[in-house]
PDB file of N, CA and C in Angstrom:
ATOM      1  N   MET A   1       5.097  20.268   4.078  1.00  0.00           N
ATOM      2  CA  MET A   1       4.649  18.632   3.642  1.00  0.00           C
ATOM      3  C   MET A   1       5.948  17.955   3.665  1.00  0.00           C
ATOM      4  N   ARG A   2       5.857  16.729   4.332  1.00  0.00           N
ATOM      5  CA  ARG A   2       6.939  15.961   4.150  1.00  0.00           C
ATOM      6  C   ARG A   2       6.953  15.114   2.859  1.00  0.00           C
ATOM      7  N   PHE A   3       7.857  14.511   2.408  1.00  0.00           N
ATOM      8  CA  PHE A   3       8.119  13.718   1.298  1.00  0.00           C
ATOM      9  C   PHE A   3       9.041  12.596   1.778  1.00  0.00           C
ATOM     10  N   VAL A   4       8.716  11.295   1.126  1.00  0.00           N
ATOM     11  CA  VAL A   4       9.734  10.357   1.499  1.00  0.00           C
ATOM     12  C   VAL A   4      10.253   9.989  -0.097  1.00  0.00           C
ATOM     13  N   HIS A   5      11.390   9.306  -0.098  1.00  0.00           N
ATOM     14  CA  HIS A   5      11.939   8.777  -0.986  1.00  0.00           C
ATOM     15  C   HIS A   5      11.623   7.247  -1.208  1.00  0.00           C
ATOM     16  N   ILE A   6      11.196   6.897  -2.429  1.00  0.00           N
ATOM     17  CA  ILE A   6      10.584   5.576  -2.645  1.00  0.00           C
ATOM     18  C   ILE A   6      12.080   5.060  -3.370  1.00  0.00           C
ATOM     19  N   VAL A   7      12.701   3.879  -2.684  1.00  0.00           N
ATOM     20  CA  VAL A   7      13.704   3.094  -3.296  1.00  0.00           C
ATOM     21  C   VAL A   7      13.392   1.973  -4.019  1.00  0.00           C
ATOM     22  N   VAL A   8      13.596   1.652  -5.038  1.00  0.00           N
ATOM     23  CA  VAL A   8      13.251   0.426  -5.876  1.00  0.00           C
ATOM     24  C   VAL A   8      14.498  -0.212  -5.815  1.00  0.00           C
ATOM     25  N   ASN A   9      14.280  -1.716  -5.593  1.00  0.00           N
ATOM     26  CA  ASN A   9      15.479  -2.544  -5.680  1.00  0.00           C
ATOM     27  C   ASN A   9      15.567  -2.975  -7.182  1.00  0.00           C
ATOM     28  N   THR A  10      16.817  -2.368  -7.692  1.00  0.00           N
ATOM     29  CA  THR A  10      17.181  -2.450  -9.048  1.00  0.00           C
ATOM     30  C   THR A  10      18.156  -3.774  -9.279  1.00  0.00           C
ATOM     31  N   SER A  11      18.195  -4.637  -8.510  1.00  0.00           N
ATOM     32  CA  SER A  11      19.240  -5.568  -8.711  1.00  0.00           C
ATOM     33  C   SER A  11      18.565  -6.599  -9.406  1.00  0.00           C
ATOM     34  N   THR A  12      19.419  -7.209 -10.369  1.00  0.00           N
ATOM     35  CA  THR A  12      18.818  -8.236 -11.229  1.00  0.00           C
ATOM     36  C   THR A  12      19.792  -9.395 -10.863  1.00  0.00           C
ATOM     37  N   ALA A  13      20.083  -9.629  -9.608  1.00  0.00           N
ATOM     38  CA  ALA A  13      20.876 -10.879  -9.035  1.00  0.00           C
ATOM     39  C   ALA A  13      20.348 -12.192  -9.660  1.00  0.00           C
ATOM     40  N   GLY A  14      19.154 -12.317  -9.880  1.00  0.00           N
ATOM     41  CA  GLY A  14      18.454 -13.588 -10.148  1.00  0.00           C
ATOM     42  C   GLY A  14      18.600 -13.768 -11.693  1.00  0.00           C
ATOM     43  N   LEU A  15      19.101 -12.936 -12.288  1.00  0.00           N
ATOM     44  CA  LEU A  15      19.244 -13.105 -13.861  1.00  0.00           C
ATOM     45  C   LEU A  15      20.745 -13.324 -14.246  1.00  0.00           C
ATOM     46  N   ALA A  16      21.221 -14.485 -14.216  1.00  0.00           N
ATOM     47  CA  ALA A  16      22.635 -14.794 -14.723  1.00  0.00           C
ATOM     48  C   ALA A  16      23.682 -14.452 -13.882  1.00  0.00           C
ATOM     49  N   GLY A  17      23.134 -14.013 -12.457  1.00  0.00           N
ATOM     50  CA  GLY A  17      24.284 -13.542 -11.589  1.00  0.00           C
ATOM     51  C   GLY A  17      24.655 -12.168 -11.646  1.00  0.00           C
ATOM     52  N   SER A  18      23.917 -11.504 -12.452  1.00  0.00           N
ATOM     53  CA  SER A  18      24.052  -9.990 -12.918  1.00  0.00           C
ATOM     54  C   SER A  18      23.464  -9.222 -11.663  1.00  0.00           C
ATOM     55  N   THR A  19      24.462  -8.059 -11.477  1.00  0.00           N
ATOM     56  CA  THR A  19      23.737  -6.913 -10.493  1.00  0.00           C
ATOM     57  C   THR A  19      23.960  -5.775 -11.106  1.00  0.00           C
ATOM     58  N   VAL A  20      23.727  -5.472 -12.284  1.00  0.00           N
ATOM     59  CA  VAL A  20      23.616  -4.500 -12.980  1.00  0.00           C
ATOM     60  C   VAL A  20      22.364  -3.621 -12.694  1.00  0.00           C
ATOM     61  N   PRO A  21      22.261  -2.491 -12.273  1.00  0.00           N
ATOM     62  CA  PRO A  21      21.116  -1.719 -12.108  1.00  0.00           C
ATOM     63  C   PRO A  21      20.497  -1.440 -13.280  1.00  0.00           C
ATOM     64  N   MET A  22      18.975  -1.599 -13.182  1.00  0.00           N
ATOM     65  CA  MET A  22      18.206  -1.366 -14.274  1.00  0.00           C
ATOM     66  C   MET A  22      16.963  -0.390 -13.999  1.00  0.00           C
ATOM     67  N   PRO A  23      16.834   0.743 -14.638  1.00  0.00           N
ATOM     68  CA  PRO A  23      15.975   1.774 -14.369  1.00  0.00           C
ATOM     69  C   PRO A  23      14.444   1.098 -14.681  1.00  0.00           C
ATOM     70  N   ALA A  24      13.514   1.648 -13.634  1.00  0.00           N
ATOM     71  CA  ALA A  24      12.334   1.210 -13.995  1.00  0.00           C
ATOM     72  C   ALA A  24      11.471   1.888 -14.960  1.00  0.00           C
ATOM     73  N   THR A  25      10.753   1.146 -15.630  1.00  0.00           N
ATOM     74  CA  THR A  25       9.862   1.695 -16.697  1.00  0.00           C
ATOM     75  C   THR A  25       8.364   1.804 -16.350  1.00  0.00           C
ATOM     76  N   LEU A  26       7.796   3.032 -16.342  1.00  0.00           N
ATOM     77  CA  LEU A  26       6.627   3.408 -15.915  1.00  0.00           C
ATOM     78  C   LEU A  26       6.078   4.460 -16.898  1.00  0.00           C
ATOM     79  N   GLN A  27       4.563   4.177 -17.171  1.00  0.00           N
ATOM     80  CA  GLN A  27       3.986   5.056 -18.056  1.00  0.00           C
ATOM     81  C   GLN A  27       4.074   6.458 -17.687  1.00  0.00           C
ATOM     82  N   LYS A  28       4.036   7.272 -18.754  1.00  0.00           N
ATOM     83  CA  LYS A  28       4.479   8.776 -18.657  1.00  0.00           C
ATOM     84  C   LYS A  28       3.628   9.187 -17.811  1.00  0.00           C
ATOM     85  N   GLY A  29       4.153  10.197 -16.900  1.00  0.00           N
ATOM     86  CA  GLY A  29       3.250  10.932 -16.043  1.00  0.00           C
ATOM     87  C   GLY A  29       2.998  10.299 -14.547  1.00  0.00           C
ATOM     88  N   LEU A  30       3.575   9.201 -14.448  1.00  0.00           N
ATOM     89  CA  LEU A  30       3.355   8.304 -13.012  1.00  0.00           C
ATOM     90  C   LEU A  30       4.284   8.542 -12.041  1.00  0.00           C
ATOM     91  N   VAL A  31       5.690   9.028 -12.688  1.00  0.00           N
ATOM     92  CA  VAL A  31       6.681   9.283 -11.718  1.00  0.00           C
ATOM     93  C   VAL A  31       6.472  10.766 -10.745  1.00  0.00           C
ATOM     94  N   LYS A  32       6.210  10.617  -9.703  1.00  0.00           N
ATOM     95  CA  LYS A  32       5.715  11.653  -8.838  1.00  0.00           C
ATOM     96  C   LYS A  32       6.568  11.335  -7.540  1.00  0.00           C
ATOM     97  N   LEU A  33       6.770  12.473  -6.888  1.00  0.00           N
ATOM     98  CA  LEU A  33       7.013  12.516  -5.267  1.00  0.00           C
ATOM     99  C   LEU A  33       5.851  12.121  -4.507  1.00  0.00           C
ATOM    100  N   MET A  34       6.223  11.151  -3.560  1.00  0.00           N
ATOM    101  CA  MET A  34       4.910  10.706  -2.841  1.00  0.00           C
ATOM    102  C   MET A  34       5.101  11.263  -1.434  1.00  0.00           C
ATOM    103  N   SER A  35       4.042  11.942  -1.033  1.00  0.00           N
ATOM    104  CA  SER A  35       4.213  12.610   0.360  1.00  0.00           C
ATOM    105  C   SER A  35       4.144  11.379   1.331  1.00  0.00           C
ATOM    106  N   HIS A  36       4.527  11.783   2.698  1.00  0.00           N
ATOM    107  CA  HIS A  36       4.353  10.887   3.763  1.00  0.00           C
ATOM    108  C   HIS A  36       3.024  10.333   3.869  1.00  0.00           C
ATOM    109  N   ASP A  37       2.035  11.296   3.720  1.00  0.00           N
ATOM    110  CA  ASP A  37       0.552  10.769   4.090  1.00  0.00           C
ATOM    111  C   ASP A  37       0.275   9.761   2.707  1.00  0.00           C
ATOM    112  N   LEU A  38       0.701  10.186   1.715  1.00  0.00           N
ATOM    113  CA  LEU A  38       0.233   9.231   0.742  1.00  0.00           C
ATOM    114  C   LEU A  38       0.743   7.737   0.682  1.00  0.00           C
ATOM    115  N   LEU A  39       2.201   7.917   1.094  1.00  0.00           N
ATOM    116  CA  LEU A  39       2.638   6.699   1.269  1.00  0.00           C
ATOM    117  C   LEU A  39       2.085   5.797   2.547  1.00  0.00           C
ATOM    118  N   ILE A  40       1.502   6.400   3.370  1.00  0.00           N
ATOM    119  CA  ILE A  40       1.017   5.838   4.577  1.00  0.00           C
ATOM    120  C   ILE A  40      -0.560   5.313   3.822  1.00  0.00           C
ATOM    121  N   GLN A  41      -1.268   6.036   3.208  1.00  0.00           N
ATOM    122  CA  GLN A  41      -2.513   5.679   2.613  1.00  0.00           C
ATOM    123  C   GLN A  41      -2.061   4.327   1.518  1.00  0.00           C
ATOM    124  N   GLU A  42      -1.015   4.489   0.825  1.00  0.00           N
ATOM    125  CA  GLU A  42      -0.838   3.180  -0.028  1.00  0.00           C
ATOM    126  C   GLU A  42      -0.529   2.126   0.771  1.00  0.00           C
ATOM    127  N   THR A  43      -0.024   2.182   1.673  1.00  0.00           N
ATOM    128  CA  THR A  43       0.549   0.945   2.477  1.00  0.00           C
ATOM    129  C   THR A  43      -0.813   0.370   3.080  1.00  0.00           C
ATOM    130  N   LYS A  44      -1.591   1.021   3.831  1.00  0.00           N
ATOM    131  CA  LYS A  44      -2.983   0.629   4.321  1.00  0.00           C
ATOM    132  C   LYS A  44      -3.592  -0.123   3.028  1.00  0.00           C
ATOM    133  N   TYR A  45      -3.578   0.456   1.973  1.00  0.00           N
ATOM    134  CA  TYR A  45      -4.415   0.044   0.893  1.00  0.00           C
ATOM    135  C   TYR A  45      -3.956  -1.478   0.686  1.00  0.00           C
ATOM    136  N   GLN A  46      -2.664  -1.655   0.417  1.00  0.00           N
ATOM    137  CA  GLN A  46      -1.752  -2.661   0.087  1.00  0.00           C
ATOM    138  C   GLN A  46      -1.777  -3.829   1.045  1.00  0.00           C
ATOM    139  N   THR A  47      -1.901  -3.485   2.314  1.00  0.00           N
ATOM    140  CA  THR A  47      -2.303  -4.175   3.648  1.00  0.00           C
ATOM    141  C   THR A  47      -3.827  -4.909   3.554  1.00  0.00           C
ATOM    142  N   ALA A  48      -4.619  -4.013   3.369  1.00  0.00           N
ATOM    143  CA  ALA A  48      -5.879  -4.675   3.375  1.00  0.00           C
ATOM    144  C   ALA A  48      -6.334  -5.480   2.097  1.00  0.00           C
ATOM    145  N   MET A  49      -5.452  -5.203   1.038  1.00  0.00           N
ATOM    146  CA  MET A  49      -6.025  -5.833  -0.211  1.00  0.00           C
ATOM    147  C   MET A  49      -5.155  -7.394   0.038  1.00  0.00           C
ATOM    148  N   GLN A  50      -4.022  -7.471   0.702  1.00  0.00           N
ATOM    149  CA  GLN A  50      -3.359  -8.742   1.005  1.00  0.00           C
ATOM    150  C   GLN A  50      -4.276  -9.419   1.705  1.00  0.00           C
ATOM    151  N   MET A  51      -4.883  -8.772   3.058  1.00  0.00           N
ATOM    152  CA  MET A  51      -5.806  -9.597   3.794  1.00  0.00           C
ATOM    153  C   MET A  51      -6.739 -10.291   2.838  1.00  0.00           C
ATOM    154  N   PHE A  52      -7.483  -9.386   2.031  1.00  0.00           N
ATOM    155  CA  PHE A  52      -8.749  -9.848   1.356  1.00  0.00           C
ATOM    156  C   PHE A  52      -8.221 -11.029   0.180  1.00  0.00           C
ATOM    157  N   ARG A  53      -7.012 -10.949  -0.276  1.00  0.00           N
ATOM    158  CA  ARG A  53      -6.504 -12.165  -1.100  1.00  0.00           C
ATOM    159  C   ARG A  53      -6.224 -13.375  -0.381  1.00  0.00           C
ATOM    160  N   THR A  54      -5.820 -13.237   0.730  1.00  0.00           N
ATOM    161  CA  THR A  54      -5.542 -14.366   1.431  1.00  0.00           C
ATOM    162  C   THR A  54      -6.949 -15.069   1.863  1.00  0.00           C
ATOM    163  N   TRP A  55      -7.725 -14.021   2.261  1.00  0.00           N
ATOM    164  CA  TRP A  55      -9.244 -14.670   2.351  1.00  0.00           C
ATOM    165  C   TRP A  55      -9.737 -15.227   1.099  1.00  0.00           C
ATOM    166  N   LEU A  56      -9.730 -14.768   0.054  1.00  0.00           N
ATOM    167  CA  LEU A  56     -10.341 -15.231  -1.123  1.00  0.00           C
ATOM    168  C   LEU A  56      -9.507 -16.765  -1.555  1.00  0.00           C
ATOM    169  N   GLU A  57      -8.153 -16.691  -1.273  1.00  0.00           N
ATOM    170  CA  GLU A  57      -7.454 -18.009  -1.650  1.00  0.00           C
ATOM    171  C   GLU A  57      -7.780 -18.995  -0.803  1.00  0.00           C
ATOM    172  N   GLN A  58      -8.284 -18.582   0.604  1.00  0.00           N
ATOM    173  CA  GLN A  58      -8.629 -19.715   1.728  1.00  0.00           C
ATOM    174  C   GLN A  58      -9.944 -20.000   1.556  1.00  0.00           C
ATOM    175  N   GLY A  59     -10.925 -19.285   0.485  1.00  0.00           N
ATOM    176  CA  GLY A  59     -12.357 -19.637   0.397  1.00  0.00           C
ATOM    177  C   GLY A  59     -13.207 -19.011   1.396  1.00  0.00           C
ATOM    178  N   ILE A  60     -12.640 -18.174   2.151  1.00  0.00           N
ATOM    179  CA  ILE A  60     -13.452 -17.486   3.088  1.00  0.00           C
ATOM    180  C   ILE A  60     -14.334 -16.338   2.502  1.00  0.00           C
ATOM    181  N   ILE A  61     -14.052 -15.699   1.513  1.00  0.00           N
ATOM    182  CA  ILE A  61     -14.779 -14.708   0.680  1.00  0.00           C
ATOM    183  C   ILE A  61     -14.752 -15.230  -0.696  1.00  0.00           C
ATOM    184  N   THR A  62     -15.996 -14.644  -1.512  1.00  0.00           N
ATOM    185  CA  THR A  62     -15.939 -15.198  -2.874  1.00  0.00           C
ATOM    186  C   THR A  62     -15.292 -13.924  -3.752  1.00  0.00           C
ATOM    187  N   GLN A  63     -15.339 -14.329  -5.238  1.00  0.00           N
ATOM    188  CA  GLN A  63     -14.387 -13.474  -6.086  1.00  0.00           C
ATOM    189  C   GLN A  63     -15.391 -12.147  -6.126  1.00  0.00           C
ATOM    190  N   ALA A  64     -16.759 -12.216  -6.019  1.00  0.00           N
ATOM    191  CA  ALA A  64     -17.619 -11.050  -5.918  1.00  0.00           C
ATOM    192  C   ALA A  64     -17.399 -10.115  -4.691  1.00  0.00           C
ATOM    193  N   ASP A  65     -17.200 -11.060  -3.526  1.00  0.00           N
ATOM    194  CA  ASP A  65     -16.696 -10.143  -2.147  1.00  0.00           C
ATOM    195  C   ASP A  65     -15.612  -9.528  -2.246  1.00  0.00           C
ATOM    196  N   TYR A  66     -14.427 -10.169  -3.170  1.00  0.00           N
ATOM    197  CA  TYR A  66     -13.258  -9.591  -3.415  1.00  0.00           C
ATOM    198  C   TYR A  66     -13.170  -8.441  -4.155  1.00  0.00           C
ATOM    199  N   ALA A  67     -14.155  -8.536  -5.109  1.00  0.00           N
ATOM    200  CA  ALA A  67     -14.217  -7.263  -6.041  1.00  0.00           C
ATOM    201  C   ALA A  67     -14.886  -5.979  -5.286  1.00  0.00           C
ATOM    202  N   LYS A  68     -15.790  -6.459  -4.508  1.00  0.00           N
ATOM    203  CA  LYS A  68     -16.448  -5.359  -3.695  1.00  0.00           C
ATOM    204  C   LYS A  68     -15.378  -4.495  -2.915  1.00  0.00           C
ATOM    205  N   ALA A  69     -14.672  -5.529  -1.974  1.00  0.00           N
ATOM    206  CA  ALA A  69     -13.872  -5.008  -0.987  1.00  0.00           C
ATOM    207  C   ALA A  69     -12.824  -4.189  -1.790  1.00  0.00           C
ATOM    208  N   GLU A  70     -12.426  -4.408  -2.949  1.00  0.00           N
ATOM    209  CA  GLU A  70     -11.317  -3.822  -3.801  1.00  0.00           C
ATOM    210  C   GLU A  70     -11.848  -2.301  -4.278  1.00  0.00           C
ATOM    211  N   GLN A  71     -12.891  -2.529  -4.427  1.00  0.00           N
ATOM    212  CA  GLN A  71     -13.558  -1.062  -4.863  1.00  0.00           C
ATOM    213  C   GLN A  71     -13.837  -0.229  -3.664  1.00  0.00           C
ATOM    214  N   LEU A  72     -14.226  -0.755  -2.431  1.00  0.00           N
ATOM    215  CA  LEU A  72     -14.371   0.122  -1.431  1.00  0.00           C
ATOM    216  C   LEU A  72     -12.846   0.663  -0.777  1.00  0.00           C
ATOM    217  N   MET A  73     -11.874  -0.122  -0.904  1.00  0.00           N
ATOM    218  CA  MET A  73     -10.695  -0.068  -0.373  1.00  0.00           C
ATOM    219  C   MET A  73     -10.030   1.042  -1.293  1.00  0.00           C
ATOM    220  N   ARG A  74     -10.281   1.098  -2.628  1.00  0.00           N
ATOM    221  CA  ARG A  74      -9.659   1.975  -3.461  1.00  0.00           C
ATOM    222  C   ARG A  74     -10.603   3.514  -3.160  1.00  0.00           C
ATOM    223  N   GLU A  75     -11.749   3.535  -2.906  1.00  0.00           N
ATOM    224  CA  GLU A  75     -12.604   4.704  -2.491  1.00  0.00           C
ATOM    225  C   GLU A  75     -12.276   5.155  -1.169  1.00  0.00           C
ATOM    226  N   LYS A  76     -11.751   4.299  -0.266  1.00  0.00           N
ATOM    227  CA  LYS A  76     -11.372   4.758   0.869  1.00  0.00           C
ATOM    228  C   LYS A  76      -9.871   5.261   1.057  1.00  0.00           C
ATOM    229  N   TYR A  77      -8.955   4.449   0.225  1.00  0.00           N
ATOM    230  CA  TYR A  77      -7.701   5.095   0.489  1.00  0.00           C
ATOM    231  C   TYR A  77      -6.805   5.669  -0.728  1.00  0.00           C
ATOM    232  N   HIS A  78      -7.625   5.597  -1.959  1.00  0.00           N
ATOM    233  CA  HIS A  78      -7.108   6.376  -3.130  1.00  0.00           C
ATOM    234  C   HIS A  78      -5.785   6.087  -3.394  1.00  0.00           C
ATOM    235  N   PRO A  79      -5.459   4.710  -3.559  1.00  0.00           N
ATOM    236  CA  PRO A  79      -3.855   4.445  -3.783  1.00  0.00           C
ATOM    237  C   PRO A  79      -3.330   4.907  -5.138  1.00  0.00           C
ATOM    238  N   LEU A  80      -2.190   5.328  -5.152  1.00  0.00           N
ATOM    239  CA  LEU A  80      -1.469   5.559  -6.551  1.00  0.00           C
ATOM    240  C   LEU A  80      -0.889   4.462  -7.018  1.00  0.00           C
ATOM    241  N   LEU A  81      -0.232   3.409  -6.478  1.00  0.00           N
ATOM    242  CA  LEU A  81       0.310   2.262  -6.985  1.00  0.00           C
ATOM    243  C   LEU A  81      -0.649   1.302  -7.284  1.00  0.00           C
ATOM    244  N   GLY A  82      -1.342   0.982  -6.458  1.00  0.00           N
ATOM    245  CA  GLY A  82      -2.175  -0.242  -6.475  1.00  0.00           C
ATOM    246  C   GLY A  82      -3.089   0.054  -7.580  1.00  0.00           C
ATOM    247  N   THR A  83      -3.447   0.979  -7.885  1.00  0.00           N
ATOM    248  CA  THR A  83      -4.397   1.214  -9.303  1.00  0.00           C
ATOM    249  C   THR A  83      -3.648   0.703 -10.430  1.00  0.00           C
ATOM    250  N   LEU A  84      -2.213   0.689 -10.471  1.00  0.00           N
ATOM    251  CA  LEU A  84      -1.621   0.282 -11.719  1.00  0.00           C
ATOM    252  C   LEU A  84      -1.986  -1.187 -11.960  1.00  0.00           C
ATOM    253  N   PHE A  85      -2.393  -1.906 -10.875  1.00  0.00           N
ATOM    254  CA  PHE A  85      -2.654  -3.496 -11.228  1.00  0.00           C
ATOM    255  C   PHE A  85      -4.115  -3.705 -11.069  1.00  0.00           C
ATOM    256  N   PHE A  86      -4.851  -2.639 -11.180  1.00  0.00           N
ATOM    257  CA  PHE A  86      -6.373  -2.854 -11.001  1.00  0.00           C
ATOM    258  C   PHE A  86      -6.932  -3.788 -11.956  1.00  0.00           C
ATOM    259  N   ASP A  87      -6.320  -3.655 -13.163  1.00  0.00           N
ATOM    260  CA  ASP A  87      -7.373  -4.333 -14.338  1.00  0.00           C
ATOM    261  C   ASP A  87      -6.548  -5.776 -14.514  1.00  0.00           C
ATOM    262  N   ILE A  88      -5.582  -6.051 -13.619  1.00  0.00           N
ATOM    263  CA  ILE A  88      -4.848  -7.445 -13.800  1.00  0.00           C
ATOM    264  C   ILE A  88      -5.306  -8.464 -12.884  1.00  0.00           C
ATOM    265  N   ALA A  89      -5.685  -9.515 -13.162  1.00  0.00           N
ATOM    266  CA  ALA A  89      -6.129 -10.533 -11.920  1.00  0.00           C
ATOM    267  C   ALA A  89      -4.823 -10.919 -11.327  1.00  0.00           C
ATOM    268  N   LEU A  90      -4.701 -10.677  -9.991  1.00  0.00           N
ATOM    269  CA  LEU A  90      -3.561 -11.082  -9.081  1.00  0.00           C
ATOM    270  C   LEU A  90      -3.789 -12.274  -8.380  1.00  0.00           C
ATOM    271  N   THR A  91      -4.991 -12.921  -8.361  1.00  0.00           N
ATOM    272  CA  THR A  91      -5.118 -14.191  -7.585  1.00  0.00           C
ATOM    273  C   THR A  91      -5.601 -15.268  -8.892  1.00  0.00           C
TER     274      THR A  91
END
């Protein structure tokens, strides 16, 4: 099984010109190696959801349509990172 390294931009350049790296803070148990296949699934989920968010913002779909699409995409792609934001309204 192939694994990929996920690199997080730790630069804080926007904060008073500082470039001191800062560690990311995640809930216990969420830090895992992500296989290449899981990364592809996550990317597909994020791409689909960006399309649905755009449609929602443009009035092409309703909030109910967006919620249904989000549920279907979670069932289809089983995202790891995307579920971190599930309970937060991003739009």
